[in-house]
C-alpha atoms as a PDB file:
ATOM      1  CA  MET A   1       0.092  11.828  30.372  1.00  0.00           C
ATOM      2  CA  ARG A   2      -3.548  12.091  29.456  1.00  0.00           C
ATOM      3  CA  LYS A   3      -4.602  10.019  26.237  1.00  0.00           C
ATOM      4  CA  LEU A   4      -6.115  12.266  23.686  1.00  0.00           C
ATOM      5  CA  LYS A   5      -9.876  11.826  23.463  1.00  0.00           C
ATOM      6  CA  ASN A   6     -11.148  12.077  19.311  1.00  0.00           C
ATOM      7  CA  GLU A   7     -12.701  15.144  18.995  1.00  0.00           C
ATOM      8  CA  GLU A   8      -8.136  16.463  20.103  1.00  0.00           C
ATOM      9  CA  LEU A   9      -6.785  14.927  17.151  1.00  0.00           C
ATOM     10  CA  ASN A  10      -8.118  17.227  14.805  1.00  0.00           C
ATOM     11  CA  ARG A  11      -8.876  14.568  11.456  1.00  0.00           C
ATOM     12  CA  LEU A  12     -10.032  15.503   8.419  1.00  0.00           C
ATOM     13  CA  ASP A  13     -13.874  14.636   8.177  1.00  0.00           C
ATOM     14  CA  ILE A  14     -13.482  12.299   4.649  1.00  0.00           C
ATOM     15  CA  GLU A  15     -14.345  15.672   2.504  1.00  0.00           C
ATOM     16  CA  ALA A  16     -11.242  17.206   3.422  1.00  0.00           C
ATOM     17  CA  PHE A  17      -9.797  14.291   3.215  1.00  0.00           C
ATOM     18  CA  LYS A  18     -10.987  13.958  -0.413  1.00  0.00           C
ATOM     19  CA  GLU A  19      -9.241  17.318  -1.085  1.00  0.00           C
ATOM     20  CA  ALA A  20      -6.166  17.498   0.557  1.00  0.00           C
ATOM     21  CA  GLU A  21      -3.000  16.704  -0.666  1.00  0.00           C
ATOM     22  CA  LYS A  22      -2.600  13.102  -1.346  1.00  0.00           C
ATOM     23  CA  THR A  23       1.329  11.595  -0.663  1.00  0.00           C
ATOM     24  CA  PRO A  24       2.713  10.716  -4.268  1.00  0.00           C
ATOM     25  CA  MET A  25       1.755   6.983  -3.589  1.00  0.00           C
ATOM     26  CA  CYS A  26      -0.699   4.555  -4.927  1.00  0.00           C
ATOM     27  CA  ILE A  27      -1.086   0.771  -3.248  1.00  0.00           C
ATOM     28  CA  VAL A  28      -1.168  -2.019  -5.716  1.00  0.00           C
ATOM     29  CA  LEU A  29      -3.224  -5.490  -3.994  1.00  0.00           C
ATOM     30  CA  ASP A  30      -1.981  -8.333  -5.789  1.00  0.00           C
ATOM     31  CA  ASN A  31      -4.413 -11.294  -5.399  1.00  0.00           C
ATOM     32  CA  ILE A  32      -4.701 -10.601  -1.341  1.00  0.00           C
ATOM     33  CA  ARG A  33      -7.112 -13.161   0.066  1.00  0.00           C
ATOM     34  CA  SER A  34      -8.015 -11.821   3.084  1.00  0.00           C
ATOM     35  CA  LEU A  35     -10.926  -9.696   3.791  1.00  0.00           C
ATOM     36  CA  ASN A  36      -9.375  -7.956   7.502  1.00  0.00           C
ATOM     37  CA  ASN A  37      -6.111  -7.452   5.735  1.00  0.00           C
ATOM     38  CA  ILE A  38      -7.866  -5.479   2.465  1.00  0.00           C
ATOM     39  CA  GLY A  39      -9.668  -3.368   5.376  1.00  0.00           C
ATOM     40  CA  SER A  40      -6.261  -2.661   6.961  1.00  0.00           C
ATOM     41  CA  VAL A  41      -4.420  -1.259   4.123  1.00  0.00           C
ATOM     42  CA  PHE A  42      -7.468   1.232   3.884  1.00  0.00           C
ATOM     43  CA  ARG A  43      -7.140   2.503   7.036  1.00  0.00           C
ATOM     44  CA  THR A  44      -3.480   2.147   6.401  1.00  0.00           C
ATOM     45  CA  ALA A  45      -3.789   4.358   2.766  1.00  0.00           C
ATOM     46  CA  ASP A  46      -5.840   6.736   4.910  1.00  0.00           C
ATOM     47  CA  ALA A  47      -3.844   7.862   7.602  1.00  0.00           C
ATOM     48  CA  PHE A  48      -0.937   8.630   5.430  1.00  0.00           C
ATOM     49  CA  LEU A  49      -3.020  10.405   2.344  1.00  0.00           C
ATOM     50  CA  ILE A  50      -1.948   7.754  -0.189  1.00  0.00           C
ATOM     51  CA  GLU A  51      -3.558   8.459  -3.460  1.00  0.00           C
ATOM     52  CA  LYS A  52      -5.325   5.296  -4.852  1.00  0.00           C
ATOM     53  CA  ILE A  53      -5.742   1.525  -3.798  1.00  0.00           C
ATOM     54  CA  TYR A  54      -5.799  -1.311  -6.170  1.00  0.00           C
ATOM     55  CA  LEU A  55      -7.529  -4.059  -5.833  1.00  0.00           C
ATOM     56  CA  CYS A  56      -6.267  -6.781  -8.508  1.00  0.00           C
ATOM     57  CA  GLY A  57      -7.423 -10.335  -9.296  1.00  0.00           C
ATOM     58  CA  ILE A  58      -8.919 -12.204  -6.450  1.00  0.00           C
ATOM     59  CA  THR A  59      -8.660  -9.570  -4.371  1.00  0.00           C
ATOM     60  CA  ALA A  60     -12.044  -8.839  -3.132  1.00  0.00           C
ATOM     61  CA  THR A  61     -13.120  -5.104  -2.873  1.00  0.00           C
ATOM     62  CA  PRO A  62     -15.899  -2.958  -0.737  1.00  0.00           C
ATOM     63  CA  PRO A  63     -18.244  -3.243   0.381  1.00  0.00           C
ATOM     64  CA  HIS A  64     -18.396  -5.815   2.141  1.00  0.00           C
ATOM     65  CA  LYS A  65     -18.688  -6.676   5.417  1.00  0.00           C
ATOM     66  CA  ASP A  66     -14.873  -8.615   6.645  1.00  0.00           C
ATOM     67  CA  ILE A  67     -12.854  -5.874   5.227  1.00  0.00           C
ATOM     68  CA  ARG A  68     -15.533  -2.738   6.653  1.00  0.00           C
ATOM     69  CA  LYS A  69     -14.859  -4.790  10.147  1.00  0.00           C
ATOM     70  CA  THR A  70     -11.123  -3.578   9.532  1.00  0.00           C
ATOM     71  CA  ALA A  71     -10.842  -0.425   7.261  1.00  0.00           C
ATOM     72  CA  LEU A  72     -13.739   1.549  10.333  1.00  0.00           C
ATOM     73  CA  GLY A  73     -14.366   3.956   7.283  1.00  0.00           C
ATOM     74  CA  ALA A  74     -11.732   3.721   5.605  1.00  0.00           C
ATOM     75  CA  THR A  75     -13.409   2.748   2.384  1.00  0.00           C
ATOM     76  CA  ASP A  76     -15.638   6.374   1.910  1.00  0.00           C
ATOM     77  CA  SER A  77     -12.679   8.218   2.243  1.00  0.00           C
ATOM     78  CA  VAL A  78      -9.548   6.347  -0.294  1.00  0.00           C
ATOM     79  CA  VAL A  79     -10.331   6.087  -4.212  1.00  0.00           C
ATOM     80  CA  TRP A  80      -9.989   2.510  -5.167  1.00  0.00           C
ATOM     81  CA  GLU A  81     -10.628   0.491  -8.000  1.00  0.00           C
ATOM     82  CA  TYR A  82     -10.661  -2.976  -9.019  1.00  0.00           C
ATOM     83  CA  ARG A  83      -8.195  -4.525 -11.598  1.00  0.00           C
ATOM     84  CA  LYS A  84      -8.581  -8.319 -12.815  1.00  0.00           C
ATOM     85  CA  ASP A  85      -5.138  -7.834 -14.479  1.00  0.00           C
ATOM     86  CA  THR A  86      -2.316  -6.875 -12.230  1.00  0.00           C
ATOM     87  CA  LEU A  87       0.423  -7.347 -14.975  1.00  0.00           C
ATOM     88  CA  GLU A  88      -1.641  -5.082 -17.318  1.00  0.00           C
ATOM     89  CA  LEU A  89      -1.826  -2.858 -14.574  1.00  0.00           C
ATOM     90  CA  VAL A  90       1.471  -1.991 -13.692  1.00  0.00           C
ATOM     91  CA  GLU A  91       2.547  -1.830 -17.416  1.00  0.00           C
ATOM     92  CA  GLU A  92       0.081   1.040 -17.151  1.00  0.00           C
ATOM     93  CA  LEU A  93       1.050   2.757 -13.784  1.00  0.00           C
ATOM     94  CA  LYS A  94       4.843   2.720 -15.393  1.00  0.00           C
ATOM     95  CA  THR A  95       3.394   4.351 -18.663  1.00  0.00           C
ATOM     96  CA  ILE A  96       2.271   7.583 -16.489  1.00  0.00           C
ATOM     97  CA  GLY A  97       5.001   8.313 -14.169  1.00  0.00           C
ATOM     98  CA  TYR A  98       4.807   5.455 -11.876  1.00  0.00           C
ATOM     99  CA  GLN A  99       7.998   4.350 -10.247  1.00  0.00           C
ATOM    100  CA  VAL A 100       6.891   0.464  -9.500  1.00  0.00           C
ATOM    101  CA  ILE A 101       8.068  -0.999  -6.239  1.00  0.00           C
ATOM    102  CA  SER A 102       7.152  -4.645  -5.216  1.00  0.00           C
ATOM    103  CA  VAL A 103       7.690  -5.410  -2.210  1.00  0.00           C
ATOM    104  CA  GLU A 104       8.839  -8.813  -1.829  1.00  0.00           C
ATOM    105  CA  GLN A 105      12.297 -10.992  -1.119  1.00  0.00           C
ATOM    106  CA  ALA A 106      14.079 -11.940  -4.656  1.00  0.00           C
ATOM    107  CA  GLU A 107      17.440 -11.045  -6.024  1.00  0.00           C
ATOM    108  CA  ASN A 108      19.270  -8.041  -5.783  1.00  0.00           C
ATOM    109  CA  ALA A 109      15.888  -6.754  -4.411  1.00  0.00           C
ATOM    110  CA  GLN A 110      17.219  -3.317  -1.957  1.00  0.00           C
ATOM    111  CA  LYS A 111      16.999  -2.921   1.619  1.00  0.00           C
ATOM    112  CA  LEU A 112      14.549  -0.678   2.449  1.00  0.00           C
ATOM    113  CA  ASN A 113      15.405   0.860   4.783  1.00  0.00           C
ATOM    114  CA  GLU A 114      18.909   1.337   2.035  1.00  0.00           C
ATOM    115  CA  PHE A 115      16.338   3.713  -0.299  1.00  0.00           C
ATOM    116  CA  SER A 116      16.416   6.937  -0.765  1.00  0.00           C
ATOM    117  CA  VAL A 117      13.156   9.003  -2.249  1.00  0.00           C
ATOM    118  CA  ASN A 118      13.242  11.092  -5.060  1.00  0.00           C
ATOM    119  CA  LYS A 119      10.690  13.573  -3.759  1.00  0.00           C
ATOM    120  CA  SER A 120       9.939  14.329  -8.290  1.00  0.00           C
ATOM    121  CA  GLU A 121       9.100  10.886  -8.409  1.00  0.00           C
ATOM    122  CA  LYS A 122       5.666   9.113  -7.330  1.00  0.00           C
ATOM    123  CA  TYR A 123       5.578   5.383  -6.637  1.00  0.00           C
ATOM    124  CA  ALA A 124       3.109   2.742  -6.848  1.00  0.00           C
ATOM    125  CA  LEU A 125       3.610   0.372  -4.064  1.00  0.00           C
ATOM    126  CA  VAL A 126       3.164  -4.047  -4.885  1.00  0.00           C
ATOM    127  CA  PHE A 127       1.731  -6.207  -3.006  1.00  0.00           C
ATOM    128  CA  GLY A 128       1.385  -9.241  -3.340  1.00  0.00           C
ATOM    129  CA  ASN A 129      -0.774 -12.516  -1.514  1.00  0.00           C
ATOM    130  CA  GLU A 130      -0.317 -13.784   1.968  1.00  0.00           C
ATOM    131  CA  VAL A 131       1.212 -17.171   0.573  1.00  0.00           C
ATOM    132  CA  LYS A 132       3.145 -16.598  -2.761  1.00  0.00           C
ATOM    133  CA  GLY A 133       3.884 -13.395  -2.830  1.00  0.00           C
ATOM    134  CA  VAL A 134       4.231 -10.585  -6.031  1.00  0.00           C
ATOM    135  CA  SER A 135       3.163 -12.425  -8.986  1.00  0.00           C
ATOM    136  CA  GLN A 136       6.736 -13.549 -10.457  1.00  0.00           C
ATOM    137  CA  GLU A 137       5.910 -11.118 -13.977  1.00  0.00           C
ATOM    138  CA  VAL A 138       4.993  -8.298 -12.086  1.00  0.00           C
ATOM    139  CA  VAL A 139       8.422  -8.553  -9.835  1.00  0.00           C
ATOM    140  CA  SER A 140      10.415  -8.747 -12.868  1.00  0.00           C
ATOM    141  CA  ALA A 141       8.175  -6.026 -14.317  1.00  0.00           C
ATOM    142  CA  SER A 142       8.467  -3.277 -12.067  1.00  0.00           C
ATOM    143  CA  ASN A 143      11.164  -0.855 -11.654  1.00  0.00           C
ATOM    144  CA  LYS A 144      12.541  -1.914  -8.463  1.00  0.00           C
ATOM    145  CA  VAL A 145      12.612  -4.696  -5.614  1.00  0.00           C
ATOM    146  CA  PHE A 146      12.018  -3.681  -2.163  1.00  0.00           C
ATOM    147  CA  GLU A 147      12.769  -5.984   0.920  1.00  0.00           C
ATOM    148  CA  ILE A 148      11.555  -5.318   4.486  1.00  0.00           C
ATOM    149  CA  PRO A 149      15.171  -6.548   6.687  1.00  0.00           C
ATOM    150  CA  GLN A 150      13.697  -9.652   8.899  1.00  0.00           C
ATOM    151  CA  TYR A 151      15.979 -11.051  10.807  1.00  0.00           C
ATOM    152  CA  GLY A 152      13.512 -13.808  13.302  1.00  0.00           C
ATOM    153  CA  THR A 153      13.572 -17.268  12.006  1.00  0.00           C
ATOM    154  CA  LYS A 154       9.920 -16.006   9.797  1.00  0.00           C
ATOM    155  CA  HIS A 155      10.393 -15.851   5.948  1.00  0.00           C
ATOM    156  CA  SER A 156       7.817 -13.075   5.994  1.00  0.00           C
ATOM    157  CA  LEU A 157       5.764 -10.347   7.475  1.00  0.00           C
ATOM    158  CA  ASN A 158       1.909 -10.106   7.281  1.00  0.00           C
ATOM    159  CA  ILE A 159       0.524  -7.887   3.996  1.00  0.00           C
ATOM    160  CA  SER A 160      -1.425  -5.531   6.227  1.00  0.00           C
ATOM    161  CA  VAL A 161       2.316  -5.070   8.170  1.00  0.00           C
ATOM    162  CA  SER A 162       4.300  -4.812   5.753  1.00  0.00           C
ATOM    163  CA  VAL A 163       1.902  -2.144   3.864  1.00  0.00           C
ATOM    164  CA  GLY A 164       1.618  -0.121   7.346  1.00  0.00           C
ATOM    165  CA  ILE A 165       6.182  -0.360   7.367  1.00  0.00           C
ATOM    166  CA  VAL A 166       6.732   0.660   3.685  1.00  0.00           C
ATOM    167  CA  VAL A 167       3.543   3.592   3.442  1.00  0.00           C
ATOM    168  CA  TRP A 168       5.520   4.376   6.490  1.00  0.00           C
ATOM    169  CA  ASP A 169       9.428   4.590   5.290  1.00  0.00           C
ATOM    170  CA  LEU A 170       8.459   6.035   2.231  1.00  0.00           C
ATOM    171  CA  TRP A 171       5.607   8.648   3.388  1.00  0.00           C
ATOM    172  CA  SER A 172       8.614   9.848   6.752  1.00  0.00           C
ATOM    173  CA  LYS A 173      11.419  10.013   3.786  1.00  0.00           C
ATOM    174  CA  LEU A 174       8.932  12.067   1.665  1.00  0.00           C
ATOM    175  CA  ASN A 175       8.585  14.923   4.219  1.00  0.00           C
ATOM    176  CA  GLN A 176      11.376  15.045   5.868  1.00  0.00           C
END
């Protein structure tokens, strides 16, 4: 096997990305502290043609050198918006037809691998602070809560890893 060169990957340029049909999914970042995590989320959103990223609360916004370092240009392709209040945003997204899903360890959370997508739905995925997770008020306001099954000694995954797992899982289910 031979590694492919970047020009052989047939990736979209920024204009083609902006014109492309998007995956019916947005990402909501609830008070994310790490600029590197934020940049990584932008790259994941670019990779799977996510509609939009909402940066809420203390979550930093582009342009910032530490976001740019991990985003590698995805802040130019992915639409994003800052919102001060995550709960207000969640209520708004529900009124415009999104199924709001918090990714958190909670009572009655559905295991990600057991979830079946509805291809006629739009999904808003909420990911929380690296230490405190998604705020309880946002969890309570969500339509569903997903938990990524884990089997080791640690209680959580890095937020950018969680975004990658959940987005890939839903994207692959939507595109079967």
